[in-house]
PDB file of N, CA and C in Angstrom:
ATOM      1  N   UNK A   1      12.405   7.906  -2.874  1.00  0.00           N
ATOM      2  CA  UNK A   1      12.294   6.776  -1.988  1.00  0.00           C
ATOM      3  C   UNK A   1      13.277   6.886  -0.822  1.00  0.00           C
ATOM      4  N   UNK A   2      13.756   8.075  -0.531  1.00  0.00           N
ATOM      5  CA  UNK A   2      14.719   8.223   0.552  1.00  0.00           C
ATOM      6  C   UNK A   2      14.076   7.959   1.901  1.00  0.00           C
ATOM      7  N   UNK A   3      14.830   7.352   2.790  1.00  0.00           N
ATOM      8  CA  UNK A   3      14.395   7.071   4.153  1.00  0.00           C
ATOM      9  C   UNK A   3      13.164   6.177   4.239  1.00  0.00           C
ATOM     10  N   UNK A   4      12.839   5.445   3.215  1.00  0.00           N
ATOM     11  CA  UNK A   4      11.705   4.516   3.241  1.00  0.00           C
ATOM     12  C   UNK A   4      12.223   3.094   3.323  1.00  0.00           C
ATOM     13  N   UNK A   5      11.389   2.206   3.860  1.00  0.00           N
ATOM     14  CA  UNK A   5      11.743   0.790   3.959  1.00  0.00           C
ATOM     15  C   UNK A   5      10.869   0.031   2.967  1.00  0.00           C
ATOM     16  N   UNK A   6      11.491  -0.471   1.905  1.00  0.00           N
ATOM     17  CA  UNK A   6      10.763  -1.133   0.831  1.00  0.00           C
ATOM     18  C   UNK A   6      11.299  -2.553   0.676  1.00  0.00           C
ATOM     19  N   UNK A   7      10.414  -3.520   0.879  1.00  0.00           N
ATOM     20  CA  UNK A   7      10.829  -4.907   0.770  1.00  0.00           C
ATOM     21  C   UNK A   7      11.261  -5.232  -0.654  1.00  0.00           C
ATOM     22  N   UNK A   8      12.313  -6.003  -0.782  1.00  0.00           N
ATOM     23  CA  UNK A   8      12.761  -6.460  -2.094  1.00  0.00           C
ATOM     24  C   UNK A   8      11.792  -7.473  -2.686  1.00  0.00           C
ATOM     25  N   UNK A   9      10.910  -8.044  -1.846  1.00  0.00           N
ATOM     26  CA  UNK A   9       9.925  -9.009  -2.319  1.00  0.00           C
ATOM     27  C   UNK A   9       8.676  -8.334  -2.879  1.00  0.00           C
ATOM     28  N   UNK A  10       8.474  -7.063  -2.568  1.00  0.00           N
ATOM     29  CA  UNK A  10       7.297  -6.336  -3.072  1.00  0.00           C
ATOM     30  C   UNK A  10       7.422  -6.154  -4.586  1.00  0.00           C
ATOM     31  N   UNK A  11       6.282  -6.234  -5.283  1.00  0.00           N
ATOM     32  CA  UNK A  11       6.246  -6.027  -6.736  1.00  0.00           C
ATOM     33  C   UNK A  11       5.798  -4.600  -6.987  1.00  0.00           C
ATOM     34  N   UNK A  12       6.714  -3.795  -7.536  1.00  0.00           N
ATOM     35  CA  UNK A  12       6.442  -2.375  -7.733  1.00  0.00           C
ATOM     36  C   UNK A  12       6.542  -2.047  -9.213  1.00  0.00           C
ATOM     37  N   UNK A  13       5.487  -1.402  -9.740  1.00  0.00           N
ATOM     38  CA  UNK A  13       5.403  -1.076 -11.158  1.00  0.00           C
ATOM     39  C   UNK A  13       6.316   0.071 -11.569  1.00  0.00           C
ATOM     40  N   UNK A  14       6.069   0.563 -12.763  1.00  0.00           N
ATOM     41  CA  UNK A  14       6.861   1.646 -13.340  1.00  0.00           C
ATOM     42  C   UNK A  14       6.319   2.999 -12.893  1.00  0.00           C
ATOM     43  N   UNK A  15       7.231   3.966 -12.798  1.00  0.00           N
ATOM     44  CA  UNK A  15       6.875   5.348 -12.483  1.00  0.00           C
ATOM     45  C   UNK A  15       6.119   5.456 -11.155  1.00  0.00           C
ATOM     46  N   UNK A  16       6.617   4.776 -10.126  1.00  0.00           N
ATOM     47  CA  UNK A  16       6.021   4.816  -8.790  1.00  0.00           C
ATOM     48  C   UNK A  16       6.853   5.761  -7.921  1.00  0.00           C
ATOM     49  N   UNK A  17       6.178   6.676  -7.239  1.00  0.00           N
ATOM     50  CA  UNK A  17       6.832   7.609  -6.328  1.00  0.00           C
ATOM     51  C   UNK A  17       6.505   7.195  -4.898  1.00  0.00           C
ATOM     52  N   UNK A  18       7.542   6.984  -4.098  1.00  0.00           N
ATOM     53  CA  UNK A  18       7.369   6.638  -2.690  1.00  0.00           C
ATOM     54  C   UNK A  18       8.143   7.670  -1.881  1.00  0.00           C
ATOM     55  N   UNK A  19       7.410   8.455  -1.098  1.00  0.00           N
ATOM     56  CA  UNK A  19       8.037   9.526  -0.319  1.00  0.00           C
ATOM     57  C   UNK A  19       8.666   8.983   0.966  1.00  0.00           C
ATOM     58  N   UNK A  20       9.319   9.860   1.688  1.00  0.00           N
ATOM     59  CA  UNK A  20      10.090   9.509   2.884  1.00  0.00           C
ATOM     60  C   UNK A  20       9.266   8.854   3.981  1.00  0.00           C
ATOM     61  N   UNK A  21       9.936   7.988   4.710  1.00  0.00           N
ATOM     62  CA  UNK A  21       9.429   7.338   5.920  1.00  0.00           C
ATOM     63  C   UNK A  21       8.216   6.438   5.682  1.00  0.00           C
ATOM     64  N   UNK A  22       8.076   5.936   4.475  1.00  0.00           N
ATOM     65  CA  UNK A  22       7.005   4.982   4.181  1.00  0.00           C
ATOM     66  C   UNK A  22       7.558   3.568   4.270  1.00  0.00           C
ATOM     67  N   UNK A  23       6.658   2.604   4.531  1.00  0.00           N
ATOM     68  CA  UNK A  23       7.048   1.199   4.652  1.00  0.00           C
ATOM     69  C   UNK A  23       6.199   0.384   3.685  1.00  0.00           C
ATOM     70  N   UNK A  24       6.862  -0.425   2.856  1.00  0.00           N
ATOM     71  CA  UNK A  24       6.203  -1.334   1.930  1.00  0.00           C
ATOM     72  C   UNK A  24       6.635  -2.747   2.325  1.00  0.00           C
ATOM     73  N   UNK A  25       5.676  -3.583   2.753  1.00  0.00           N
ATOM     74  CA  UNK A  25       5.997  -4.933   3.216  1.00  0.00           C
ATOM     75  C   UNK A  25       6.160  -5.912   2.052  1.00  0.00           C
ATOM     76  N   UNK A  26       6.433  -7.193   2.385  1.00  0.00           N
ATOM     77  CA  UNK A  26       6.775  -8.228   1.399  1.00  0.00           C
ATOM     78  C   UNK A  26       5.680  -8.524   0.376  1.00  0.00           C
ATOM     79  N   UNK A  27       4.507  -8.884   0.842  1.00  0.00           N
ATOM     80  CA  UNK A  27       3.438  -9.371  -0.037  1.00  0.00           C
ATOM     81  C   UNK A  27       2.562  -8.211  -0.510  1.00  0.00           C
ATOM     82  N   UNK A  28       3.181  -7.325  -1.293  1.00  0.00           N
ATOM     83  CA  UNK A  28       2.507  -6.123  -1.795  1.00  0.00           C
ATOM     84  C   UNK A  28       2.717  -6.037  -3.296  1.00  0.00           C
ATOM     85  N   UNK A  29       1.664  -5.653  -4.011  1.00  0.00           N
ATOM     86  CA  UNK A  29       1.752  -5.414  -5.453  1.00  0.00           C
ATOM     87  C   UNK A  29       1.268  -3.999  -5.730  1.00  0.00           C
ATOM     88  N   UNK A  30       2.128  -3.204  -6.385  1.00  0.00           N
ATOM     89  CA  UNK A  30       1.807  -1.815  -6.699  1.00  0.00           C
ATOM     90  C   UNK A  30       1.918  -1.643  -8.206  1.00  0.00           C
ATOM     91  N   UNK A  31       0.868  -1.098  -8.821  1.00  0.00           N
ATOM     92  CA  UNK A  31       0.837  -0.898 -10.266  1.00  0.00           C
ATOM     93  C   UNK A  31       1.680   0.287 -10.718  1.00  0.00           C
ATOM     94  N   UNK A  32       1.475   0.696 -11.954  1.00  0.00           N
ATOM     95  CA  UNK A  32       2.221   1.803 -12.552  1.00  0.00           C
ATOM     96  C   UNK A  32       1.615   3.154 -12.170  1.00  0.00           C
ATOM     97  N   UNK A  33       2.460   4.177 -12.172  1.00  0.00           N
ATOM     98  CA  UNK A  33       2.038   5.567 -11.968  1.00  0.00           C
ATOM     99  C   UNK A  33       1.321   5.780 -10.639  1.00  0.00           C
ATOM    100  N   UNK A  34       1.848   5.179  -9.591  1.00  0.00           N
ATOM    101  CA  UNK A  34       1.262   5.305  -8.253  1.00  0.00           C
ATOM    102  C   UNK A  34       2.092   6.300  -7.449  1.00  0.00           C
ATOM    103  N   UNK A  35       1.403   7.146  -6.679  1.00  0.00           N
ATOM    104  CA  UNK A  35       2.061   8.105  -5.797  1.00  0.00           C
ATOM    105  C   UNK A  35       1.748   7.729  -4.354  1.00  0.00           C
ATOM    106  N   UNK A  36       2.805   7.503  -3.569  1.00  0.00           N
ATOM    107  CA  UNK A  36       2.652   7.168  -2.163  1.00  0.00           C
ATOM    108  C   UNK A  36       3.329   8.275  -1.368  1.00  0.00           C
ATOM    109  N   UNK A  37       2.540   8.984  -0.556  1.00  0.00           N
ATOM    110  CA  UNK A  37       3.056  10.109   0.210  1.00  0.00           C
ATOM    111  C   UNK A  37       3.932   9.619   1.357  1.00  0.00           C
ATOM    112  N   UNK A  38       4.409  10.537   2.168  1.00  0.00           N
ATOM    113  CA  UNK A  38       5.280  10.189   3.288  1.00  0.00           C
ATOM    114  C   UNK A  38       4.507   9.552   4.442  1.00  0.00           C
ATOM    115  N   UNK A  39       5.228   8.798   5.249  1.00  0.00           N
ATOM    116  CA  UNK A  39       4.680   8.167   6.457  1.00  0.00           C
ATOM    117  C   UNK A  39       3.506   7.242   6.171  1.00  0.00           C
ATOM    118  N   UNK A  40       3.594   6.450   5.116  1.00  0.00           N
ATOM    119  CA  UNK A  40       2.531   5.520   4.723  1.00  0.00           C
ATOM    120  C   UNK A  40       2.988   4.096   5.018  1.00  0.00           C
ATOM    121  N   UNK A  41       2.062   3.270   5.503  1.00  0.00           N
ATOM    122  CA  UNK A  41       2.325   1.841   5.676  1.00  0.00           C
ATOM    123  C   UNK A  41       1.476   1.084   4.669  1.00  0.00           C
ATOM    124  N   UNK A  42       2.131   0.337   3.769  1.00  0.00           N
ATOM    125  CA  UNK A  42       1.444  -0.567   2.850  1.00  0.00           C
ATOM    126  C   UNK A  42       1.794  -1.969   3.348  1.00  0.00           C
ATOM    127  N   UNK A  43       0.828  -2.619   4.003  1.00  0.00           N
ATOM    128  CA  UNK A  43       1.073  -3.894   4.663  1.00  0.00           C
ATOM    129  C   UNK A  43       0.842  -5.073   3.720  1.00  0.00           C
ATOM    130  N   UNK A  44       1.265  -6.247   4.158  1.00  0.00           N
ATOM    131  CA  UNK A  44       1.091  -7.479   3.383  1.00  0.00           C
ATOM    132  C   UNK A  44      -0.359  -7.645   2.939  1.00  0.00           C
ATOM    133  N   UNK A  45      -0.532  -8.092   1.711  1.00  0.00           N
ATOM    134  CA  UNK A  45      -1.863  -8.330   1.170  1.00  0.00           C
ATOM    135  C   UNK A  45      -2.408  -7.181   0.337  1.00  0.00           C
ATOM    136  N   UNK A  46      -1.709  -6.063   0.282  1.00  0.00           N
ATOM    137  CA  UNK A  46      -2.186  -4.912  -0.495  1.00  0.00           C
ATOM    138  C   UNK A  46      -1.961  -5.145  -1.985  1.00  0.00           C
ATOM    139  N   UNK A  47      -3.002  -4.864  -2.776  1.00  0.00           N
ATOM    140  CA  UNK A  47      -2.945  -4.932  -4.236  1.00  0.00           C
ATOM    141  C   UNK A  47      -3.424  -3.585  -4.752  1.00  0.00           C
ATOM    142  N   UNK A  48      -2.491  -2.774  -5.246  1.00  0.00           N
ATOM    143  CA  UNK A  48      -2.800  -1.410  -5.655  1.00  0.00           C
ATOM    144  C   UNK A  48      -2.647  -1.317  -7.165  1.00  0.00           C
ATOM    145  N   UNK A  49      -3.731  -0.948  -7.845  1.00  0.00           N
ATOM    146  CA  UNK A  49      -3.721  -0.863  -9.306  1.00  0.00           C
ATOM    147  C   UNK A  49      -3.031   0.420  -9.782  1.00  0.00           C
ATOM    148  N   UNK A  50      -3.063   0.656 -11.086  1.00  0.00           N
ATOM    149  CA  UNK A  50      -2.416   1.812 -11.716  1.00  0.00           C
ATOM    150  C   UNK A  50      -3.105   3.124 -11.350  1.00  0.00           C
ATOM    151  N   UNK A  51      -2.316   4.200 -11.376  1.00  0.00           N
ATOM    152  CA  UNK A  51      -2.810   5.576 -11.251  1.00  0.00           C
ATOM    153  C   UNK A  51      -3.553   5.838  -9.944  1.00  0.00           C
ATOM    154  N   UNK A  52      -2.978   5.392  -8.830  1.00  0.00           N
ATOM    155  CA  UNK A  52      -3.578   5.580  -7.508  1.00  0.00           C
ATOM    156  C   UNK A  52      -2.700   6.551  -6.708  1.00  0.00           C
ATOM    157  N   UNK A  53      -3.339   7.415  -5.913  1.00  0.00           N
ATOM    158  CA  UNK A  53      -2.628   8.313  -5.005  1.00  0.00           C
ATOM    159  C   UNK A  53      -2.980   7.927  -3.578  1.00  0.00           C
ATOM    160  N   UNK A  54      -1.954   7.683  -2.770  1.00  0.00           N
ATOM    161  CA  UNK A  54      -2.154   7.335  -1.370  1.00  0.00           C
ATOM    162  C   UNK A  54      -1.587   8.470  -0.534  1.00  0.00           C
ATOM    163  N   UNK A  55      -2.434   9.041   0.317  1.00  0.00           N
ATOM    164  CA  UNK A  55      -2.074  10.250   1.044  1.00  0.00           C
ATOM    165  C   UNK A  55      -1.235  10.001   2.292  1.00  0.00           C
ATOM    166  N   UNK A  56      -0.619  11.061   2.760  1.00  0.00           N
ATOM    167  CA  UNK A  56       0.244  11.116   3.938  1.00  0.00           C
ATOM    168  C   UNK A  56      -0.388  10.411   5.140  1.00  0.00           C
ATOM    169  N   UNK A  57       0.366   9.520   5.741  1.00  0.00           N
ATOM    170  CA  UNK A  57      -0.073   8.864   6.963  1.00  0.00           C
ATOM    171  C   UNK A  57      -1.045   7.713   6.783  1.00  0.00           C
ATOM    172  N   UNK A  58      -1.346   7.327   5.548  1.00  0.00           N
ATOM    173  CA  UNK A  58      -2.312   6.245   5.315  1.00  0.00           C
ATOM    174  C   UNK A  58      -1.759   4.906   5.803  1.00  0.00           C
ATOM    175  N   UNK A  59      -2.671   4.057   6.246  1.00  0.00           N
ATOM    176  CA  UNK A  59      -2.344   2.689   6.648  1.00  0.00           C
ATOM    177  C   UNK A  59      -3.212   1.789   5.781  1.00  0.00           C
ATOM    178  N   UNK A  60      -2.588   0.957   4.948  1.00  0.00           N
ATOM    179  CA  UNK A  60      -3.314   0.153   3.964  1.00  0.00           C
ATOM    180  C   UNK A  60      -3.064  -1.330   4.208  1.00  0.00           C
ATOM    181  N   UNK A  61      -4.146  -2.086   4.356  1.00  0.00           N
ATOM    182  CA  UNK A  61      -4.122  -3.553   4.404  1.00  0.00           C
ATOM    183  C   UNK A  61      -3.584  -4.133   5.707  1.00  0.00           C
ATOM    184  N   UNK A  62      -3.986  -3.563   6.811  1.00  0.00           N
ATOM    185  CA  UNK A  62      -3.591  -4.142   8.094  1.00  0.00           C
ATOM    186  C   UNK A  62      -4.657  -5.138   8.553  1.00  0.00           C
ATOM    187  N   UNK A  63      -4.518  -5.668   9.743  1.00  0.00           N
ATOM    188  CA  UNK A  63      -5.438  -6.675  10.264  1.00  0.00           C
ATOM    189  C   UNK A  63      -6.862  -6.113  10.314  1.00  0.00           C
ATOM    190  N   UNK A  64      -7.842  -6.841   9.745  1.00  0.00           N
ATOM    191  CA  UNK A  64      -9.234  -6.369   9.766  1.00  0.00           C
ATOM    192  C   UNK A  64      -9.747  -6.192  11.199  1.00  0.00           C
ATOM    193  N   UNK A  65     -10.648  -5.234  11.377  1.00  0.00           N
ATOM    194  CA  UNK A  65     -11.216  -4.972  12.696  1.00  0.00           C
ATOM    195  C   UNK A  65     -12.504  -5.760  12.936  1.00  0.00           C
ATOM    196  N   UNK A  66     -12.877  -6.624  12.009  1.00  0.00           N
ATOM    197  CA  UNK A  66     -14.077  -7.449  12.136  1.00  0.00           C
ATOM    198  C   UNK A  66     -13.867  -8.493  13.224  1.00  0.00           C
ATOM    199  N   UNK A  67     -14.786  -8.593  14.166  1.00  0.00           N
ATOM    200  CA  UNK A  67     -14.653  -9.532  15.279  1.00  0.00           C
ATOM    201  C   UNK A  67     -14.651 -10.990  14.827  1.00  0.00           C
ATOM    202  N   UNK A  68     -15.155 -11.259  13.619  1.00  0.00           N
ATOM    203  CA  UNK A  68     -15.182 -12.633  13.101  1.00  0.00           C
ATOM    204  C   UNK A  68     -13.853 -13.039  12.461  1.00  0.00           C
ATOM    205  N   UNK A  69     -12.936 -12.089  12.319  1.00  0.00           N
ATOM    206  CA  UNK A  69     -11.646 -12.376  11.703  1.00  0.00           C
ATOM    207  C   UNK A  69     -10.897 -13.394  12.542  1.00  0.00           C
ATOM    208  N   UNK A  70     -10.444 -14.479  11.882  1.00  0.00           N
ATOM    209  CA  UNK A  70      -9.773 -15.556  12.586  1.00  0.00           C
ATOM    210  C   UNK A  70      -8.309 -15.721  12.249  1.00  0.00           C
ATOM    211  N   UNK A  71      -7.689 -14.691  11.684  1.00  0.00           N
ATOM    212  CA  UNK A  71      -6.271 -14.770  11.380  1.00  0.00           C
ATOM    213  C   UNK A  71      -5.946 -15.297   9.993  1.00  0.00           C
ATOM    214  N   UNK A  72      -6.973 -15.555   9.171  1.00  0.00           N
ATOM    215  CA  UNK A  72      -6.725 -16.066   7.821  1.00  0.00           C
ATOM    216  C   UNK A  72      -6.033 -15.006   6.948  1.00  0.00           C
ATOM    217  N   UNK A  73      -5.372 -15.456   5.889  1.00  0.00           N
ATOM    218  CA  UNK A  73      -4.699 -14.545   4.963  1.00  0.00           C
ATOM    219  C   UNK A  73      -5.756 -13.750   4.202  1.00  0.00           C
ATOM    220  N   UNK A  74      -5.572 -12.436   4.163  1.00  0.00           N
ATOM    221  CA  UNK A  74      -6.514 -11.573   3.455  1.00  0.00           C
ATOM    222  C   UNK A  74      -5.765 -10.647   2.503  1.00  0.00           C
ATOM    223  N   UNK A  75      -6.500 -10.087   1.549  1.00  0.00           N
ATOM    224  CA  UNK A  75      -5.930  -9.076   0.664  1.00  0.00           C
ATOM    225  C   UNK A  75      -6.853  -7.864   0.646  1.00  0.00           C
ATOM    226  N   UNK A  76      -6.306  -6.732   0.265  1.00  0.00           N
ATOM    227  CA  UNK A  76      -7.076  -5.524   0.080  1.00  0.00           C
ATOM    228  C   UNK A  76      -6.729  -5.011  -1.310  1.00  0.00           C
ATOM    229  N   UNK A  77      -7.726  -4.844  -2.172  1.00  0.00           N
ATOM    230  CA  UNK A  77      -7.484  -4.424  -3.550  1.00  0.00           C
ATOM    231  C   UNK A  77      -8.024  -3.022  -3.779  1.00  0.00           C
ATOM    232  N   UNK A  78      -7.159  -2.160  -4.338  1.00  0.00           N
ATOM    233  CA  UNK A  78      -7.543  -0.792  -4.686  1.00  0.00           C
ATOM    234  C   UNK A  78      -7.559  -0.715  -6.201  1.00  0.00           C
ATOM    235  N   UNK A  79      -8.706  -0.368  -6.773  1.00  0.00           N
ATOM    236  CA  UNK A  79      -8.880  -0.328  -8.221  1.00  0.00           C
ATOM    237  C   UNK A  79      -8.140   0.813  -8.897  1.00  0.00           C
ATOM    238  N   UNK A  80      -8.111   0.762 -10.210  1.00  0.00           N
ATOM    239  CA  UNK A  80      -7.405   1.756 -11.021  1.00  0.00           C
ATOM    240  C   UNK A  80      -7.978   3.155 -10.844  1.00  0.00           C
ATOM    241  N   UNK A  81      -7.062   4.108 -10.904  1.00  0.00           N
ATOM    242  CA  UNK A  81      -7.374   5.531 -10.957  1.00  0.00           C
ATOM    243  C   UNK A  81      -8.158   6.060  -9.766  1.00  0.00           C
ATOM    244  N   UNK A  82      -7.901   5.500  -8.597  1.00  0.00           N
ATOM    245  CA  UNK A  82      -8.460   6.071  -7.363  1.00  0.00           C
ATOM    246  C   UNK A  82      -7.701   7.357  -7.087  1.00  0.00           C
ATOM    247  N   UNK A  83      -8.404   8.436  -6.872  1.00  0.00           N
ATOM    248  CA  UNK A  83      -7.749   9.716  -6.700  1.00  0.00           C
ATOM    249  C   UNK A  83      -7.119   9.875  -5.324  1.00  0.00           C
ATOM    250  N   UNK A  84      -7.688   9.255  -4.310  1.00  0.00           N
ATOM    251  CA  UNK A  84      -7.074   9.393  -2.998  1.00  0.00           C
ATOM    252  C   UNK A  84      -7.446   8.221  -2.104  1.00  0.00           C
ATOM    253  N   UNK A  85      -6.499   7.835  -1.296  1.00  0.00           N
ATOM    254  CA  UNK A  85      -6.712   6.779  -0.316  1.00  0.00           C
ATOM    255  C   UNK A  85      -6.140   7.297   0.998  1.00  0.00           C
ATOM    256  N   UNK A  86      -6.942   7.246   2.069  1.00  0.00           N
ATOM    257  CA  UNK A  86      -6.471   7.724   3.361  1.00  0.00           C
ATOM    258  C   UNK A  86      -6.167   6.584   4.327  1.00  0.00           C
ATOM    259  N   UNK A  87      -7.134   5.689   4.588  1.00  0.00           N
ATOM    260  CA  UNK A  87      -6.890   4.572   5.487  1.00  0.00           C
ATOM    261  C   UNK A  87      -7.814   3.425   5.133  1.00  0.00           C
ATOM    262  N   UNK A  88      -7.242   2.260   4.897  1.00  0.00           N
ATOM    263  CA  UNK A  88      -8.021   1.072   4.560  1.00  0.00           C
ATOM    264  C   UNK A  88      -7.466  -0.120   5.311  1.00  0.00           C
ATOM    265  N   UNK A  89      -8.358  -0.926   5.876  1.00  0.00           N
ATOM    266  CA  UNK A  89      -7.933  -2.128   6.602  1.00  0.00           C
ATOM    267  C   UNK A  89      -8.293  -3.344   5.791  1.00  0.00           C
TER     268      UNK A  89
END
């Protein structure tokens, strides 16, 4: 977890690896046995289940690109045992 910015408010499970230069915001839940590569942004609203791998440079749970989005609070949920995640809004 060197050189990463991890909010103390984020809920992080057991055996989680967070590589350098990644950012984990406040309203984030990360399950057990998750691997987060370097230069990853896990934004507010992310819910990541157990045994997930998030690849280098991924951006997870940022503002939706849907034109109907009105600023309401949203979440993004990643199910258990996803082998790879690159970019999700």
